Structures are given as C-alpha cells and as structure tokens.
C-alpha atoms as a PDB file:
ATOM      1  CA  MET A   1       0.175   0.084   0.050  1.00  0.00           C
ATOM      2  CA  TYR A   2       1.271   3.575  -0.798  1.00  0.00           C
ATOM      3  CA  ASN A   3       0.824   6.610   1.108  1.00  0.00           C
ATOM      4  CA  ARG A   4      -0.665   9.929  -0.552  1.00  0.00           C
ATOM      5  CA  TRP A   5       2.147  12.609  -0.368  1.00  0.00           C
ATOM      6  CA  ASP A   6       0.342  14.208   2.095  1.00  0.00           C
ATOM      7  CA  GLU A   7      -0.211  11.510   4.412  1.00  0.00           C
ATOM      8  CA  PRO A   8       2.402  11.140   7.796  1.00  0.00           C
ATOM      9  CA  LEU A   9       4.813   8.375   7.466  1.00  0.00           C
ATOM     10  CA  PRO A  10       5.294   6.324  10.168  1.00  0.00           C
ATOM     11  CA  PRO A  11       9.015   6.139  11.470  1.00  0.00           C
ATOM     12  CA  PRO A  12      11.053   3.384  10.537  1.00  0.00           C
ATOM     13  CA  CYS A  13      11.186   0.383  13.055  1.00  0.00           C
ATOM     14  CA  GLU A  14      14.952   0.830  13.713  1.00  0.00           C
ATOM     15  CA  ASN A  15      14.142   4.444  15.153  1.00  0.00           C
ATOM     16  CA  ILE A  16      12.075   2.968  17.884  1.00  0.00           C
ATOM     17  CA  LYS A  17      13.972   1.889  20.706  1.00  0.00           C
ATOM     18  CA  SER A  18      13.401   0.799  24.549  1.00  0.00           C
ATOM     19  CA  ARG A  19      15.212   0.178  27.676  1.00  0.00           C
ATOM     20  CA  ASN A  20      12.584  -1.509  29.356  1.00  0.00           C
ATOM     21  CA  PRO A  21       8.231  -1.078  29.023  1.00  0.00           C
ATOM     22  CA  ASN A  22       8.539   2.552  30.713  1.00  0.00           C
ATOM     23  CA  HIS A  23      11.496   3.962  28.743  1.00  0.00           C
ATOM     24  CA  LEU A  24      10.929   4.409  24.833  1.00  0.00           C
ATOM     25  CA  TRP A  25      12.480   6.846  22.657  1.00  0.00           C
ATOM     26  CA  VAL A  26      11.333   7.388  18.742  1.00  0.00           C
ATOM     27  CA  TRP A  27      12.786   9.575  16.182  1.00  0.00           C
ATOM     28  CA  MET A  28      12.492  10.603  12.686  1.00  0.00           C
ATOM     29  CA  ASP A  29      14.507  13.044  10.414  1.00  0.00           C
ATOM     30  CA  THR A  30      14.867  16.498  12.858  1.00  0.00           C
ATOM     31  CA  GLU A  31      12.484  15.336  15.840  1.00  0.00           C
ATOM     32  CA  ALA A  32      12.571  12.934  18.500  1.00  0.00           C
ATOM     33  CA  ALA A  33       9.929  12.044  21.554  1.00  0.00           C
ATOM     34  CA  ILE A  34      10.909  10.319  24.557  1.00  0.00           C
ATOM     35  CA  THR A  35       8.885   8.841  27.360  1.00  0.00           C
ATOM     36  CA  THR A  36       9.890   7.368  31.044  1.00  0.00           C
ATOM     37  CA  ASP A  37       6.656   6.586  32.120  1.00  0.00           C
ATOM     38  CA  GLY A  38       5.282   4.036  29.400  1.00  0.00           C
ATOM     39  CA  GLY A  39       4.157   6.997  27.097  1.00  0.00           C
ATOM     40  CA  LYS A  40       1.576   8.638  29.625  1.00  0.00           C
ATOM     41  CA  THR A  41       3.712  11.568  28.968  1.00  0.00           C
ATOM     42  CA  TRP A  42       6.479  12.271  26.466  1.00  0.00           C
ATOM     43  CA  THR A  43       9.347  15.031  26.087  1.00  0.00           C
ATOM     44  CA  LEU A  44       9.425  16.398  22.426  1.00  0.00           C
ATOM     45  CA  TRP A  45      12.638  17.729  20.982  1.00  0.00           C
ATOM     46  CA  SER A  46      13.448  19.271  17.679  1.00  0.00           C
ATOM     47  CA  ILE A  47      16.868  20.258  16.014  1.00  0.00           C
ATOM     48  CA  GLU A  48      15.076  23.590  15.384  1.00  0.00           C
ATOM     49  CA  ARG A  49      15.995  24.441  19.175  1.00  0.00           C
ATOM     50  CA  LEU A  50      19.950  23.647  18.371  1.00  0.00           C
ATOM     51  CA  LYS A  51      20.754  25.395  15.249  1.00  0.00           C
ATOM     52  CA  PRO A  52      17.530  26.155  13.114  1.00  0.00           C
ATOM     53  CA  GLU A  53      19.650  27.058  10.049  1.00  0.00           C
ATOM     54  CA  ASN A  54      21.536  23.997   9.650  1.00  0.00           C
ATOM     55  CA  ARG A  55      20.117  20.924   7.745  1.00  0.00           C
ATOM     56  CA  TYR A  56      21.001  18.173  10.195  1.00  0.00           C
ATOM     57  CA  PHE A  57      18.657  15.202  11.052  1.00  0.00           C
ATOM     58  CA  ILE A  58      19.032  12.451  13.837  1.00  0.00           C
ATOM     59  CA  SER A  59      21.141   9.503  12.663  1.00  0.00           C
ATOM     60  CA  SER A  60      21.166   7.503  16.170  1.00  0.00           C
ATOM     61  CA  ILE A  61      19.814   7.674  19.902  1.00  0.00           C
ATOM     62  CA  GLU A  62      21.163   5.357  22.131  1.00  0.00           C
ATOM     63  CA  PHE A  63      20.800   5.469  26.338  1.00  0.00           C
ATOM     64  CA  LYS A  64      23.030   3.467  28.638  1.00  0.00           C
ATOM     65  CA  ASP A  65      20.550   3.809  31.333  1.00  0.00           C
ATOM     66  CA  GLU A  66      17.521   6.037  31.875  1.00  0.00           C
ATOM     67  CA  ALA A  67      19.205   8.861  32.274  1.00  0.00           C
ATOM     68  CA  HIS A  68      21.887   9.060  30.450  1.00  0.00           C
ATOM     69  CA  GLY A  69      21.643   9.122  26.455  1.00  0.00           C
ATOM     70  CA  THR A  70      23.585  10.085  23.481  1.00  0.00           C
ATOM     71  CA  MET A  71      22.369  11.509  20.197  1.00  0.00           C
ATOM     72  CA  ILE A  72      24.096  11.823  16.933  1.00  0.00           C
ATOM     73  CA  LEU A  73      23.128  14.362  14.413  1.00  0.00           C
ATOM     74  CA  GLY A  74      24.054  13.143  11.019  1.00  0.00           C
ATOM     75  CA  ARG A  75      26.139  15.149   8.031  1.00  0.00           C
ATOM     76  CA  ASP A  76      29.687  16.224   7.965  1.00  0.00           C
ATOM     77  CA  PRO A  77      30.716  16.961  10.626  1.00  0.00           C
ATOM     78  CA  LYS A  78      28.354  14.695  12.711  1.00  0.00           C
ATOM     79  CA  ILE A  79      27.219  16.266  15.931  1.00  0.00           C
ATOM     80  CA  THR A  80      27.148  14.376  19.246  1.00  0.00           C
ATOM     81  CA  LEU A  81      24.511  15.496  21.881  1.00  0.00           C
ATOM     82  CA  HIS A  82      24.169  14.058  25.503  1.00  0.00           C
ATOM     83  CA  SER A  83      21.335  14.023  27.804  1.00  0.00           C
ATOM     84  CA  ASN A  84      21.684  13.654  31.664  1.00  0.00           C
ATOM     85  CA  ASP A  85      18.074  13.838  32.503  1.00  0.00           C
ATOM     86  CA  GLY A  86      16.279  11.215  30.456  1.00  0.00           C
ATOM     87  CA  GLY A  87      16.166  12.876  27.309  1.00  0.00           C
ATOM     88  CA  LYS A  88      14.409  16.181  28.537  1.00  0.00           C
ATOM     89  CA  THR A  89      17.489  18.244  27.323  1.00  0.00           C
ATOM     90  CA  TRP A  90      20.321  17.860  24.933  1.00  0.00           C
ATOM     91  CA  LEU A  91      23.836  19.325  25.167  1.00  0.00           C
END
C-alpha cells in the first residue's frame, strides 16, 4: 500500500527503541519523542532548538541507562549531543 504525499509516514522500526516498557524513544528526521513513564507523557525535541539554520537530521539515539543518552546528528561533521536527564534536554 502506498501513502499519499500528504499522509504522515510512520518512523522506521529501527528508529523505535526501549530500555524497558517504561523508557521508550522514537525519532524521525529532525524530531525525537521520549517517554519514561510507559507513554503517559512524552518529551518532544526538535533540531530547530539547536541550530535552525543547519540541515542536520537525527541519525541515532542510545541510552545507557534511563538518565544518560547520546544523540548523533548526521551530516559532515556529525554532532554528538548528550542528555543526563532522560532526554528532556540535550547538550
């Protein structure tokens, strides 16, 4: 089945990850959503907050525990961001 050009596309399965049933994260292109309470609430993050003039995209997000994560923004050069608060903020 084909999507029409104006229908939203679901994120690829490799862009949906979890550490446990409560801590999930998903990303697509320039935006990410992270939950630490099983989906009751979500923190949304967009590259626009970082550098709106750049054309970066999110390549990957990994968490080593529920607080500490790494986000890789793709392009050359790649940018690595870190979170110490479960994905609420990225620096």
